[in-house]
Protein backbone atom coordinates (compact mmCIF):
# COMPACT_ATOMS: atom_id res chain seq x y z
CA MET A 1 0.00 0.14 -0.02
CA LYS A 2 1.44 3.25 -1.10
CA PHE A 3 0.76 6.55 0.63
CA SER A 4 0.83 10.12 -0.86
CA GLU A 5 3.30 12.76 -0.03
CA GLU A 6 0.83 14.34 2.06
CA GLN A 7 -0.33 11.43 3.97
CA MET A 8 3.43 10.47 4.40
CA LYS A 9 3.93 14.17 5.79
CA GLY A 10 0.99 13.56 8.29
CA ILE A 11 2.34 10.43 9.36
CA VAL A 12 5.68 11.88 10.29
CA THR A 13 4.05 14.85 12.08
CA LEU A 14 2.00 12.29 14.10
CA LYS A 15 5.13 10.46 14.84
CA GLU A 16 6.90 13.57 15.87
CA SER A 17 3.87 14.44 17.99
CA LEU A 18 4.01 11.40 19.91
CA ILE A 19 7.70 11.62 20.39
CA GLU A 20 7.14 14.89 21.91
CA GLN A 21 4.40 13.70 24.05
CA VAL A 22 6.50 10.78 25.49
CA ASP A 23 9.44 13.12 26.16
CA LYS A 24 6.84 15.58 28.08
CA HIS A 25 5.42 12.61 30.05
CA GLN A 26 9.03 11.00 30.60
CA GLU A 27 9.91 14.27 32.15
CA ALA A 28 7.10 14.58 34.45
CA ILE A 29 7.57 10.88 35.61
CA GLU A 30 11.24 11.68 36.17
CA ALA A 31 10.33 14.62 38.42
CA LEU A 32 7.64 12.60 40.50
CA GLU A 33 10.08 9.84 40.90
CA LYS A 34 12.70 12.59 42.37
CA ASN A 35 9.88 13.94 44.46
CA ILE A 36 9.14 10.58 45.80
CA THR A 37 12.88 9.95 46.60
CA ILE A 38 12.90 13.36 48.36
CA LEU A 39 9.95 12.27 50.38
CA ASP A 40 11.47 8.67 51.18
CA MET A 41 14.50 10.48 52.58
CA PHE A 42 12.42 12.91 54.79
CA LEU A 43 10.23 9.95 56.09
CA LYS A 44 13.37 7.71 56.95
CA GLU A 45 14.93 10.67 58.80
CA SER A 46 11.64 11.80 60.73
CA SER A 47 10.59 8.20 61.40
CA PHE A 48 12.66 7.62 64.50
CA THR A 49 10.24 9.77 66.43
CA LYS A 50 8.28 7.86 68.96
CA ALA A 51 4.65 7.71 68.51
CA SER A 52 3.93 8.84 72.08
CA GLN A 53 6.17 12.04 71.36
CA LEU A 54 4.16 13.09 68.23
CA PRO A 55 1.65 15.78 68.71
CA PRO A 56 -1.94 14.61 68.08
CA ALA A 57 -3.03 14.59 64.71
CA GLU A 58 -5.20 17.67 63.18
CA LYS A 59 -8.13 16.25 61.76
CA ILE A 60 -8.64 17.37 58.29
CA GLU A 61 -12.15 17.07 56.83
CA PRO A 62 -12.45 15.33 53.35
CA GLN A 63 -14.28 18.46 51.86
CA LYS A 64 -11.12 20.50 52.55
CA ILE A 65 -9.12 18.01 50.79
CA LYS A 66 -11.44 17.88 47.80
CA GLU A 67 -11.48 21.71 47.75
CA SER A 68 -7.40 21.97 47.73
CA VAL A 69 -7.21 19.23 45.11
CA LYS A 70 -9.72 21.34 42.88
CA GLU A 71 -7.56 24.46 43.28
CA VAL A 72 -4.24 22.82 42.47
CA GLN A 73 -5.73 21.10 39.23
CA ASN A 74 -8.16 24.22 38.11
CA SER A 75 -10.99 21.58 37.29
CA ILE A 76 -14.16 23.11 35.99
CA PRO A 77 -17.20 20.98 37.14
CA ILE A 78 -19.57 19.88 34.33
CA THR A 79 -23.16 19.38 35.66
CA GLN A 80 -26.18 17.56 34.41
CA GLY A 81 -28.79 20.34 33.27
CA LYS A 82 -31.87 19.17 35.36
CA ASP A 83 -30.39 18.19 38.87
CA GLY A 84 -27.09 20.08 38.80
CA LYS A 85 -25.20 16.53 39.57
CA VAL A 86 -21.65 16.77 38.62
CA ILE A 87 -20.97 14.31 35.69
CA ALA A 88 -17.37 15.19 34.70
CA ASN A 89 -14.59 17.68 35.26
CA ALA A 90 -12.91 19.75 32.77
CA PHE A 91 -8.94 20.11 33.21
CA VAL A 92 -7.59 23.15 30.98
CA THR A 93 -4.02 23.44 30.28
CA PRO A 94 -2.39 25.60 27.52
CA GLU A 95 -2.17 22.62 25.24
CA GLN A 96 -5.42 20.85 25.84
CA VAL A 97 -8.84 20.48 27.51
CA SER A 98 -9.39 17.02 29.29
CA ILE A 99 -12.97 16.18 30.17
CA VAL A 100 -12.88 13.38 32.56
CA LEU A 101 -16.02 11.66 33.36
CA ASP A 102 -17.23 10.99 37.11
CA ASP A 103 -16.49 7.39 38.19
CA ASN A 104 -20.32 6.91 38.49
CA VAL A 105 -21.22 8.01 35.06
CA GLU A 106 -21.41 5.23 32.53
CA ILE A 107 -21.90 6.32 29.06
CA SER A 108 -20.97 4.38 25.87
CA ALA A 109 -19.43 6.59 22.88
CA ASP A 110 -22.20 5.18 20.57
CA THR A 111 -24.69 7.00 22.62
CA PRO A 112 -26.29 9.93 20.65
CA PRO A 113 -25.63 12.75 20.38
CA PHE A 114 -21.91 12.30 21.17
CA LYS A 115 -20.60 11.43 17.68
CA SER A 116 -23.16 13.30 15.47
CA PHE A 117 -23.17 16.67 17.62
CA PHE A 118 -19.96 16.90 19.79
CA LEU A 119 -17.48 15.12 17.63
CA ASP A 120 -18.50 15.70 14.05
CA ARG A 121 -20.56 19.11 14.43
CA ILE A 122 -18.61 20.92 17.26
CA ILE A 123 -15.08 19.75 16.89
CA GLY A 124 -15.51 18.86 13.12
CA GLU A 125 -16.35 22.37 12.43
CA MET A 126 -13.13 23.70 14.50
CA LYS A 127 -11.24 21.01 12.42
CA LYS A 128 -12.57 22.40 9.16
CA LYS A 129 -11.54 25.89 10.32
CA ASP A 130 -8.06 24.75 11.22
CA SER A 131 -7.68 22.87 7.97
CA THR A 132 -8.62 26.21 6.07
CA ASP A 133 -6.25 28.11 8.11
CA ALA A 134 -3.39 25.51 7.60
CA GLU A 135 -3.91 25.58 3.75
CA ASN A 136 -3.62 29.31 3.87
CA GLY A 137 -0.41 29.33 5.93
CA LYS A 138 -1.99 30.73 9.12
CA ILE A 139 -1.29 27.77 11.20
CA GLN A 140 0.77 24.58 10.86
CA ARG A 141 -0.92 21.29 10.35
CA GLU A 142 0.31 20.08 13.85
CA SER A 143 -1.39 22.93 15.28
CA MET A 144 -4.97 21.82 14.25
CA ILE A 145 -7.59 20.94 16.79
CA ASP A 146 -7.79 16.99 17.40
CA TYR A 147 -9.06 15.02 19.91
CA ILE A 148 -8.72 11.37 21.75
CA ILE A 149 -11.49 9.46 23.56
CA ASN A 150 -9.97 7.14 26.34
CA LYS A 151 -12.62 4.52 27.18
CA ASN A 152 -13.09 1.62 29.62
CA GLY A 153 -14.62 -1.20 27.29
CA SER A 154 -17.17 0.97 25.56
CA ASP A 155 -17.64 3.58 28.28
CA ILE A 156 -16.18 7.03 27.86
CA ARG A 157 -13.78 7.71 30.70
CA GLU A 158 -12.02 10.80 29.27
CA ILE A 159 -12.31 13.24 26.05
CA ILE A 160 -8.90 14.94 25.50
CA ILE A 161 -8.93 17.95 23.02
CA LYS A 162 -5.66 18.94 21.97
CA ASN A 163 -4.59 22.40 20.21
CA TYR A 164 -7.82 24.07 21.01
CA ARG A 165 -5.45 27.31 20.37
CA GLN A 166 -8.08 29.77 21.15
CA LYS A 167 -9.38 30.57 24.60
CA GLU A 168 -13.03 31.42 23.09
CA ARG A 169 -13.18 27.34 22.05
CA VAL A 170 -12.46 26.22 25.68
CA ASN A 171 -15.89 27.69 27.08
CA GLU A 172 -17.80 26.31 23.60
CA LEU A 173 -16.05 22.77 24.25
CA ILE A 174 -16.78 22.45 27.76
CA ASN A 175 -20.56 23.67 27.43
CA THR A 176 -21.25 21.63 24.25
CA ALA A 177 -19.40 18.62 25.92
CA GLY A 178 -21.87 19.19 29.20
CA TRP A 179 -24.98 19.50 27.06
CA SER A 180 -24.04 16.47 25.05
CA LEU A 181 -23.28 14.32 27.82
CA SER A 182 -26.51 15.37 29.69
CA ARG A 183 -28.46 14.40 26.51
CA MET A 184 -26.57 11.10 26.48
CA LEU A 185 -27.66 10.39 30.05
CA GLU A 186 -31.22 11.29 29.29
CA ASN A 187 -31.28 8.83 26.20
CA ILE A 188 -29.59 6.06 28.30
CA ASN A 189 -32.32 6.39 30.98
CA LYS A 190 -35.29 6.55 28.39
């Protein structure tokens, strides 16, 4: 099977992108491992205190822990329209928007209107605009919006949207993802 020159360029670009992602994640893993080593050393040094000499432990409420985690991670809760129940959280970085479904939410990627509305219409239109911009030399092809759906079986666990590039797109992506997920849950419960 022969590939066209354009297809080969796309494959090379994809490979380079994957290598960059692996390098990025490798650096993060190494940093985490260093932190674990430092914590291990700290724990070893401080573990020689008798338990009877330790001050009473301060009781931390689970709600405070959850709030701290949310602040650190800059999560944006996505709620279901009718009851306001959190069905997912969006995490925004300069490179991507990750929409992580709540553990209790089980939705198949085949449930409407996920593909027809969210993937094809919303992200698809953004892809078309980026493609036109790439053809006109306004952006590079590797800067075009793209997405990855991480699943557990057929159930969606996470939607990663890369290269959103424009802040305006973040709100649209989060809002339309929330609307789509809410409709999908309604379709499942019918």
